[in-house]
Amino acid sequence: MKPLFLIPARGGSKGVPGKNIRILGGKPLIVHSIEHALAVADDPADVVVTTDSEAIADVGRRAGANVPWLRPARLATDTAGSREVMLHAVDALNAEGGNYDTIVLLQPTSPLRNPDDIRRAIELFEQRRPDMVVSVRPAATNPYYNAYECEADGRLRISKGDGTVTRRQDAPPVWEFDGAIYVINADSLRNAPSLARLGNILPLSSSARHDVDIDTELDFLIAEQLLKQQ
């Protein structure tokens, strides 16, 4: 197993301008994820930032990450998918002799993840050899209890099951990706149209305080307060 610790950081951000290098807890947001990766990686050269921004690239290099190039403009748009960004990075690095077969994706928007959770995810991946190990949290809505779909005539029906579940605790547990940690088989990713379409995905549960996913100003405020408690 040869893991590439990949941190994707686009220069543009509509929700929070300049999000990836905005200061959080005394350091640029992206630096938290770089430090998490450096704490786990055997070689700092395996910690790579993929970005289209010179400013982000400079911050990444000063924090100890490898930023070998700026990503192509076609992968820096609002519609560019994470799958394409990951495959571009691993293919470009392998063309230079990287020999990476596994991608450990660490998004900058999860600054409170625990490096020990990254290690646990990698260990689970090595033991079970799935297509992906992903960190998860209990889903905010449950398709057996309080998630609904529209019929053709506009009427709502329960999304899953027969509608007999009347208490949340009686519904089968369901999970959502929390955005913090993804450990992915590179060949599996190449052969699937998206992360959700990978055939063998294993969950890794992590502490609730580590699953803040920063997309808004409020998320920044919450993360700042949680960092003060660490």
C-alpha atoms as a PDB file:
ATOM      1  CA  MET A   1       0.000   0.000   0.000  1.00  0.00           C
ATOM      2  CA  LYS A   2       1.385   3.372  -1.056  1.00  0.00           C
ATOM      3  CA  PRO A   3      -0.885   6.177   0.236  1.00  0.00           C
ATOM      4  CA  LEU A   4      -1.083   9.665  -1.218  1.00  0.00           C
ATOM      5  CA  PHE A   5      -2.342  12.145   1.364  1.00  0.00           C
ATOM      6  CA  LEU A   6      -4.238  14.561  -0.852  1.00  0.00           C
ATOM      7  CA  ILE A   7      -5.607  17.918   0.271  1.00  0.00           C
ATOM      8  CA  PRO A   8      -7.783  19.636  -2.365  1.00  0.00           C
ATOM      9  CA  ALA A   9      -8.146  23.404  -2.058  1.00  0.00           C
ATOM     10  CA  ARG A  10      -9.726  25.497  -4.783  1.00  0.00           C
ATOM     11  CA  GLY A  11      -9.080  29.243  -4.796  1.00  0.00           C
ATOM     12  CA  GLY A  12     -12.705  30.227  -5.355  1.00  0.00           C
ATOM     13  CA  SER A  13     -15.364  29.862  -2.675  1.00  0.00           C
ATOM     14  CA  LYS A  14     -18.840  31.348  -2.973  1.00  0.00           C
ATOM     15  CA  GLY A  15     -20.046  30.587   0.554  1.00  0.00           C
ATOM     16  CA  VAL A  16     -17.031  31.990   2.399  1.00  0.00           C
ATOM     17  CA  PRO A  17     -14.584  33.916   0.166  1.00  0.00           C
ATOM     18  CA  GLY A  18     -10.965  32.864   0.653  1.00  0.00           C
ATOM     19  CA  LYS A  19     -12.131  30.052   2.923  1.00  0.00           C
ATOM     20  CA  ASN A  20      -9.182  27.708   2.538  1.00  0.00           C
ATOM     21  CA  ILE A  21      -6.605  30.211   3.778  1.00  0.00           C
ATOM     22  CA  ARG A  22      -8.806  32.117   6.204  1.00  0.00           C
ATOM     23  CA  ILE A  23      -7.376  32.108   9.726  1.00  0.00           C
ATOM     24  CA  LEU A  24      -8.934  29.615  12.128  1.00  0.00           C
ATOM     25  CA  GLY A  25      -7.393  28.982  15.523  1.00  0.00           C
ATOM     26  CA  GLY A  26      -4.377  31.104  14.643  1.00  0.00           C
ATOM     27  CA  LYS A  27      -3.504  29.442  11.330  1.00  0.00           C
ATOM     28  CA  PRO A  28      -4.918  29.225   7.795  1.00  0.00           C
ATOM     29  CA  LEU A  29      -7.738  26.705   7.517  1.00  0.00           C
ATOM     30  CA  ILE A  30      -5.849  24.418   5.140  1.00  0.00           C
ATOM     31  CA  VAL A  31      -2.889  24.175   7.520  1.00  0.00           C
ATOM     32  CA  HIS A  32      -4.935  22.145  10.010  1.00  0.00           C
ATOM     33  CA  SER A  33      -5.401  19.379   7.423  1.00  0.00           C
ATOM     34  CA  ILE A  34      -1.770  19.569   6.320  1.00  0.00           C
ATOM     35  CA  GLU A  35      -0.659  19.080   9.911  1.00  0.00           C
ATOM     36  CA  HIS A  36      -3.038  16.132  10.314  1.00  0.00           C
ATOM     37  CA  ALA A  37      -1.565  14.488   7.216  1.00  0.00           C
ATOM     38  CA  LEU A  38       2.037  15.158   8.256  1.00  0.00           C
ATOM     39  CA  ALA A  39       1.314  13.548  11.639  1.00  0.00           C
ATOM     40  CA  VAL A  40       0.344  10.297   9.892  1.00  0.00           C
ATOM     41  CA  ALA A  41       2.390  10.125   6.667  1.00  0.00           C
ATOM     42  CA  ASP A  42       5.724   8.307   6.695  1.00  0.00           C
ATOM     43  CA  ASP A  43       7.188  10.792   4.194  1.00  0.00           C
ATOM     44  CA  PRO A  44       6.255  14.507   4.027  1.00  0.00           C
ATOM     45  CA  ALA A  45       6.593  14.294   0.231  1.00  0.00           C
ATOM     46  CA  ASP A  46       3.445  12.132   0.226  1.00  0.00           C
ATOM     47  CA  VAL A  47       1.380  15.038   1.618  1.00  0.00           C
ATOM     48  CA  VAL A  48       0.201  16.899  -1.478  1.00  0.00           C
ATOM     49  CA  VAL A  49      -1.974  19.974  -1.911  1.00  0.00           C
ATOM     50  CA  THR A  50      -3.841  20.215  -5.210  1.00  0.00           C
ATOM     51  CA  THR A  51      -4.940  23.783  -5.930  1.00  0.00           C
ATOM     52  CA  ASP A  52      -5.396  26.322  -8.696  1.00  0.00           C
ATOM     53  CA  SER A  53      -4.305  29.203  -6.435  1.00  0.00           C
ATOM     54  CA  GLU A  54      -0.767  30.547  -6.056  1.00  0.00           C
ATOM     55  CA  ALA A  55      -1.721  31.976  -2.648  1.00  0.00           C
ATOM     56  CA  ILE A  56      -2.936  28.584  -1.389  1.00  0.00           C
ATOM     57  CA  ALA A  57       0.098  26.876  -2.906  1.00  0.00           C
ATOM     58  CA  ASP A  58       2.399  29.254  -1.021  1.00  0.00           C
ATOM     59  CA  VAL A  59       0.610  28.626   2.280  1.00  0.00           C
ATOM     60  CA  GLY A  60       0.752  24.882   1.656  1.00  0.00           C
ATOM     61  CA  ARG A  61       4.484  24.851   0.953  1.00  0.00           C
ATOM     62  CA  ARG A  62       5.262  26.960   4.014  1.00  0.00           C
ATOM     63  CA  ALA A  63       3.248  24.505   6.125  1.00  0.00           C
ATOM     64  CA  GLY A  64       5.354  21.586   4.872  1.00  0.00           C
ATOM     65  CA  ALA A  65       3.162  20.153   2.121  1.00  0.00           C
ATOM     66  CA  ASN A  66       4.263  19.185  -1.362  1.00  0.00           C
ATOM     67  CA  VAL A  67       2.655  21.410  -4.022  1.00  0.00           C
ATOM     68  CA  PRO A  68       4.217  20.185  -7.274  1.00  0.00           C
ATOM     69  CA  TRP A  69       1.964  22.114  -9.688  1.00  0.00           C
ATOM     70  CA  LEU A  70      -1.213  24.110 -10.005  1.00  0.00           C
ATOM     71  CA  ARG A  71      -4.185  22.067 -11.154  1.00  0.00           C
ATOM     72  CA  PRO A  72      -5.622  22.737 -14.647  1.00  0.00           C
ATOM     73  CA  ALA A  73      -8.305  25.409 -15.008  1.00  0.00           C
ATOM     74  CA  ARG A  74     -10.865  22.757 -16.051  1.00  0.00           C
ATOM     75  CA  LEU A  75     -10.519  21.264 -12.548  1.00  0.00           C
ATOM     76  CA  ALA A  76     -10.921  24.598 -10.760  1.00  0.00           C
ATOM     77  CA  THR A  77     -14.541  25.385 -11.639  1.00  0.00           C
ATOM     78  CA  ASP A  78     -17.646  25.144  -9.458  1.00  0.00           C
ATOM     79  CA  THR A  79     -18.686  22.035 -11.382  1.00  0.00           C
ATOM     80  CA  ALA A  80     -15.378  20.167 -11.244  1.00  0.00           C
ATOM     81  CA  GLY A  81     -15.831  16.887  -9.364  1.00  0.00           C
ATOM     82  CA  SER A  82     -13.609  15.563  -6.590  1.00  0.00           C
ATOM     83  CA  ARG A  83     -13.159  12.278  -8.489  1.00  0.00           C
ATOM     84  CA  GLU A  84     -11.553  14.056 -11.446  1.00  0.00           C
ATOM     85  CA  VAL A  85      -9.367  16.152  -9.138  1.00  0.00           C
ATOM     86  CA  MET A  86      -8.111  13.061  -7.327  1.00  0.00           C
ATOM     87  CA  LEU A  87      -7.405  11.096 -10.495  1.00  0.00           C
ATOM     88  CA  HIS A  88      -5.547  14.036 -12.028  1.00  0.00           C
ATOM     89  CA  ALA A  89      -3.316  14.269  -8.959  1.00  0.00           C
ATOM     90  CA  VAL A  90      -2.529  10.571  -8.625  1.00  0.00           C
ATOM     91  CA  ASP A  91      -1.936  10.157 -12.375  1.00  0.00           C
ATOM     92  CA  ALA A  92       0.345  13.204 -12.551  1.00  0.00           C
ATOM     93  CA  LEU A  93       2.373  12.062  -9.549  1.00  0.00           C
ATOM     94  CA  ASN A  94       2.606   8.457 -10.736  1.00  0.00           C
ATOM     95  CA  ALA A  95       3.833   9.671 -14.122  1.00  0.00           C
ATOM     96  CA  GLU A  96       6.732  11.174 -12.182  1.00  0.00           C
ATOM     97  CA  GLY A  97       7.426   7.888 -10.362  1.00  0.00           C
ATOM     98  CA  GLY A  98       5.101   8.268  -7.374  1.00  0.00           C
ATOM     99  CA  ASN A  99       3.671   4.735  -7.520  1.00  0.00           C
ATOM    100  CA  TYR A 100       0.637   5.625  -5.397  1.00  0.00           C
ATOM    101  CA  ASP A 101      -2.201   3.084  -5.249  1.00  0.00           C
ATOM    102  CA  THR A 102      -4.262   4.594  -2.413  1.00  0.00           C
ATOM    103  CA  ILE A 103      -5.642   8.111  -1.915  1.00  0.00           C
ATOM    104  CA  VAL A 104      -6.199   9.493   1.581  1.00  0.00           C
ATOM    105  CA  LEU A 105      -8.422  12.486   0.892  1.00  0.00           C
ATOM    106  CA  LEU A 106      -8.434  15.130   3.633  1.00  0.00           C
ATOM    107  CA  GLN A 107     -10.639  18.103   2.854  1.00  0.00           C
ATOM    108  CA  PRO A 108      -9.565  21.434   4.411  1.00  0.00           C
ATOM    109  CA  THR A 109     -13.126  22.046   5.580  1.00  0.00           C
ATOM    110  CA  SER A 110     -12.724  19.430   8.344  1.00  0.00           C
ATOM    111  CA  PRO A 111     -10.115  21.075  10.602  1.00  0.00           C
ATOM    112  CA  LEU A 112     -11.180  19.255  13.774  1.00  0.00           C
ATOM    113  CA  ARG A 113     -10.533  15.693  12.627  1.00  0.00           C
ATOM    114  CA  ASN A 114      -8.282  13.593  14.838  1.00  0.00           C
ATOM    115  CA  PRO A 115      -5.111  12.174  13.229  1.00  0.00           C
ATOM    116  CA  ASP A 116      -5.779   8.987  15.186  1.00  0.00           C
ATOM    117  CA  ASP A 117      -8.988   8.595  13.171  1.00  0.00           C
ATOM    118  CA  ILE A 118      -6.924   8.832   9.979  1.00  0.00           C
ATOM    119  CA  ARG A 119      -4.700   6.056  11.279  1.00  0.00           C
ATOM    120  CA  ARG A 120      -7.733   3.934  12.155  1.00  0.00           C
ATOM    121  CA  ALA A 121      -9.173   4.465   8.684  1.00  0.00           C
ATOM    122  CA  ILE A 122      -5.907   3.386   7.050  1.00  0.00           C
ATOM    123  CA  GLU A 123      -5.664   0.336   9.312  1.00  0.00           C
ATOM    124  CA  LEU A 124      -9.222  -0.694   8.437  1.00  0.00           C
ATOM    125  CA  PHE A 125      -8.442  -0.221   4.747  1.00  0.00           C
ATOM    126  CA  GLU A 126      -5.315  -2.368   5.003  1.00  0.00           C
ATOM    127  CA  GLN A 127      -7.136  -5.111   6.897  1.00  0.00           C
ATOM    128  CA  ARG A 128     -10.262  -5.335   4.744  1.00  0.00           C
ATOM    129  CA  ARG A 129      -9.093  -3.987   1.347  1.00  0.00           C
ATOM    130  CA  PRO A 130     -12.408  -2.354   0.364  1.00  0.00           C
ATOM    131  CA  ASP A 131     -12.859   0.196  -2.394  1.00  0.00           C
ATOM    132  CA  MET A 132     -13.132   2.923   0.249  1.00  0.00           C
ATOM    133  CA  VAL A 133     -13.170   3.603   3.970  1.00  0.00           C
ATOM    134  CA  VAL A 134     -15.043   6.815   4.814  1.00  0.00           C
ATOM    135  CA  SER A 135     -15.734   8.657   8.060  1.00  0.00           C
ATOM    136  CA  VAL A 136     -19.439   8.899   8.836  1.00  0.00           C
ATOM    137  CA  ARG A 137     -21.927  10.331  11.319  1.00  0.00           C
ATOM    138  CA  PRO A 138     -25.572   9.435  12.014  1.00  0.00           C
ATOM    139  CA  ALA A 139     -27.721  10.974   9.280  1.00  0.00           C
ATOM    140  CA  ALA A 140     -29.774  14.020  10.234  1.00  0.00           C
ATOM    141  CA  THR A 141     -32.866  12.475   8.638  1.00  0.00           C
ATOM    142  CA  ASN A 142     -33.898   8.840   8.414  1.00  0.00           C
ATOM    143  CA  PRO A 143     -35.652   7.499   5.285  1.00  0.00           C
ATOM    144  CA  TYR A 144     -37.626   5.031   7.416  1.00  0.00           C
ATOM    145  CA  TYR A 145     -38.868   7.717   9.811  1.00  0.00           C
ATOM    146  CA  ASN A 146     -38.808  11.368   8.679  1.00  0.00           C
ATOM    147  CA  ALA A 147     -37.539  11.549   5.079  1.00  0.00           C
ATOM    148  CA  TYR A 148     -40.205  11.669   2.365  1.00  0.00           C
ATOM    149  CA  GLU A 149     -40.469  11.572  -1.433  1.00  0.00           C
ATOM    150  CA  CYS A 150     -43.121  12.963  -3.748  1.00  0.00           C
ATOM    151  CA  GLU A 151     -45.425  10.716  -5.764  1.00  0.00           C
ATOM    152  CA  ALA A 152     -46.256  11.683  -9.361  1.00  0.00           C
ATOM    153  CA  ASP A 153     -49.396  13.479  -8.144  1.00  0.00           C
ATOM    154  CA  GLY A 154     -47.436  15.492  -5.564  1.00  0.00           C
ATOM    155  CA  ARG A 155     -48.396  13.496  -2.476  1.00  0.00           C
ATOM    156  CA  LEU A 156     -45.645  12.663   0.026  1.00  0.00           C
ATOM    157  CA  ARG A 157     -44.765   9.094   0.932  1.00  0.00           C
ATOM    158  CA  ILE A 158     -42.147   7.762   3.324  1.00  0.00           C
ATOM    159  CA  SER A 159     -38.870   7.369   1.454  1.00  0.00           C
ATOM    160  CA  LYS A 160     -38.160   3.827   2.630  1.00  0.00           C
ATOM    161  CA  GLY A 161     -40.152   1.116   4.354  1.00  0.00           C
ATOM    162  CA  ASP A 162     -43.895   0.872   4.933  1.00  0.00           C
ATOM    163  CA  GLY A 163     -44.324   3.887   7.224  1.00  0.00           C
ATOM    164  CA  THR A 164     -44.883   1.869  10.392  1.00  0.00           C
ATOM    165  CA  VAL A 165     -41.848   3.255  12.242  1.00  0.00           C
ATOM    166  CA  THR A 166     -43.179   5.826  14.708  1.00  0.00           C
ATOM    167  CA  ARG A 167     -40.065   6.420  16.830  1.00  0.00           C
ATOM    168  CA  ARG A 168     -36.625   7.374  15.551  1.00  0.00           C
ATOM    169  CA  GLN A 169     -34.924   4.885  17.860  1.00  0.00           C
ATOM    170  CA  ASP A 170     -36.883   2.057  16.203  1.00  0.00           C
ATOM    171  CA  ALA A 171     -35.696   2.960  12.696  1.00  0.00           C
ATOM    172  CA  PRO A 172     -32.687   1.166  11.165  1.00  0.00           C
ATOM    173  CA  PRO A 173     -29.573   3.332  11.608  1.00  0.00           C
ATOM    174  CA  VAL A 174     -28.481   5.276   8.537  1.00  0.00           C
ATOM    175  CA  TRP A 175     -25.259   7.220   7.999  1.00  0.00           C
ATOM    176  CA  GLU A 176     -23.960  10.180   6.039  1.00  0.00           C
ATOM    177  CA  PHE A 177     -20.406  10.995   4.988  1.00  0.00           C
ATOM    178  CA  ASP A 178     -19.027  13.634   7.367  1.00  0.00           C
ATOM    179  CA  GLY A 179     -16.421  14.885   4.877  1.00  0.00           C
ATOM    180  CA  ALA A 180     -13.396  14.400   7.142  1.00  0.00           C
ATOM    181  CA  ILE A 181     -11.596  11.246   5.945  1.00  0.00           C
ATOM    182  CA  TYR A 182     -11.681   9.158   2.779  1.00  0.00           C
ATOM    183  CA  VAL A 183      -9.258   6.293   2.099  1.00  0.00           C
ATOM    184  CA  ILE A 184      -9.758   5.186  -1.495  1.00  0.00           C
ATOM    185  CA  ASN A 185      -8.371   2.502  -3.768  1.00  0.00           C
ATOM    186  CA  ALA A 186      -7.150   4.475  -6.789  1.00  0.00           C
ATOM    187  CA  ASP A 187      -8.000   1.740  -9.318  1.00  0.00           C
ATOM    188  CA  SER A 188     -11.508   1.375  -7.867  1.00  0.00           C
ATOM    189  CA  LEU A 189     -12.019   5.120  -8.216  1.00  0.00           C
ATOM    190  CA  ARG A 190     -10.869   4.991 -11.821  1.00  0.00           C
ATOM    191  CA  ASN A 191     -13.460   2.335 -12.612  1.00  0.00           C
ATOM    192  CA  ALA A 192     -16.426   4.035 -10.888  1.00  0.00           C
ATOM    193  CA  PRO A 193     -18.271   7.188 -11.987  1.00  0.00           C
ATOM    194  CA  SER A 194     -18.392   8.608  -8.445  1.00  0.00           C
ATOM    195  CA  LEU A 195     -17.506   7.850  -4.829  1.00  0.00           C
ATOM    196  CA  ALA A 196     -21.091   6.839  -4.114  1.00  0.00           C
ATOM    197  CA  ARG A 197     -20.930   4.239  -6.892  1.00  0.00           C
ATOM    198  CA  LEU A 198     -17.969   2.376  -5.411  1.00  0.00           C
ATOM    199  CA  GLY A 199     -19.063  -1.158  -4.674  1.00  0.00           C
ATOM    200  CA  ASN A 200     -17.423  -1.882  -1.322  1.00  0.00           C
ATOM    201  CA  ILE A 201     -17.511   1.035   1.137  1.00  0.00           C
ATOM    202  CA  LEU A 202     -16.759   0.631   4.838  1.00  0.00           C
ATOM    203  CA  PRO A 203     -17.759   3.229   7.470  1.00  0.00           C
ATOM    204  CA  LEU A 204     -15.549   4.693  10.160  1.00  0.00           C
ATOM    205  CA  SER A 205     -17.362   6.456  12.979  1.00  0.00           C
ATOM    206  CA  SER A 206     -15.543   9.365  14.592  1.00  0.00           C
ATOM    207  CA  SER A 207     -16.172  11.730  17.482  1.00  0.00           C
ATOM    208  CA  ALA A 208     -19.037  14.185  16.871  1.00  0.00           C
ATOM    209  CA  ARG A 209     -16.807  17.133  17.777  1.00  0.00           C
ATOM    210  CA  HIS A 210     -14.513  16.243  14.875  1.00  0.00           C
ATOM    211  CA  ASP A 211     -17.146  16.285  12.139  1.00  0.00           C
ATOM    212  CA  VAL A 212     -17.623  20.039  11.669  1.00  0.00           C
ATOM    213  CA  ASP A 213     -17.672  20.685   7.915  1.00  0.00           C
ATOM    214  CA  ILE A 214     -16.995  24.367   7.230  1.00  0.00           C
ATOM    215  CA  ASP A 215     -19.187  25.874   4.530  1.00  0.00           C
ATOM    216  CA  THR A 216     -20.614  28.987   6.189  1.00  0.00           C
ATOM    217  CA  GLU A 217     -19.679  31.827   8.528  1.00  0.00           C
ATOM    218  CA  LEU A 218     -21.577  30.050  11.302  1.00  0.00           C
ATOM    219  CA  ASP A 219     -19.490  26.918  10.756  1.00  0.00           C
ATOM    220  CA  PHE A 220     -16.354  29.017  11.254  1.00  0.00           C
ATOM    221  CA  LEU A 221     -17.682  30.352  14.557  1.00  0.00           C
ATOM    222  CA  ILE A 222     -18.567  26.851  15.770  1.00  0.00           C
ATOM    223  CA  ALA A 223     -15.161  25.465  14.770  1.00  0.00           C
ATOM    224  CA  GLU A 224     -13.383  28.344  16.531  1.00  0.00           C
ATOM    225  CA  GLN A 225     -15.214  27.610  19.756  1.00  0.00           C
ATOM    226  CA  LEU A 226     -14.531  23.867  19.544  1.00  0.00           C
ATOM    227  CA  LEU A 227     -10.838  24.506  18.918  1.00  0.00           C
ATOM    228  CA  LYS A 228     -10.689  26.558  22.105  1.00  0.00           C
ATOM    229  CA  GLN A 229     -11.971  23.535  24.022  1.00  0.00           C
ATOM    230  CA  GLN A 230      -9.238  21.205  22.756  1.00  0.00           C
END
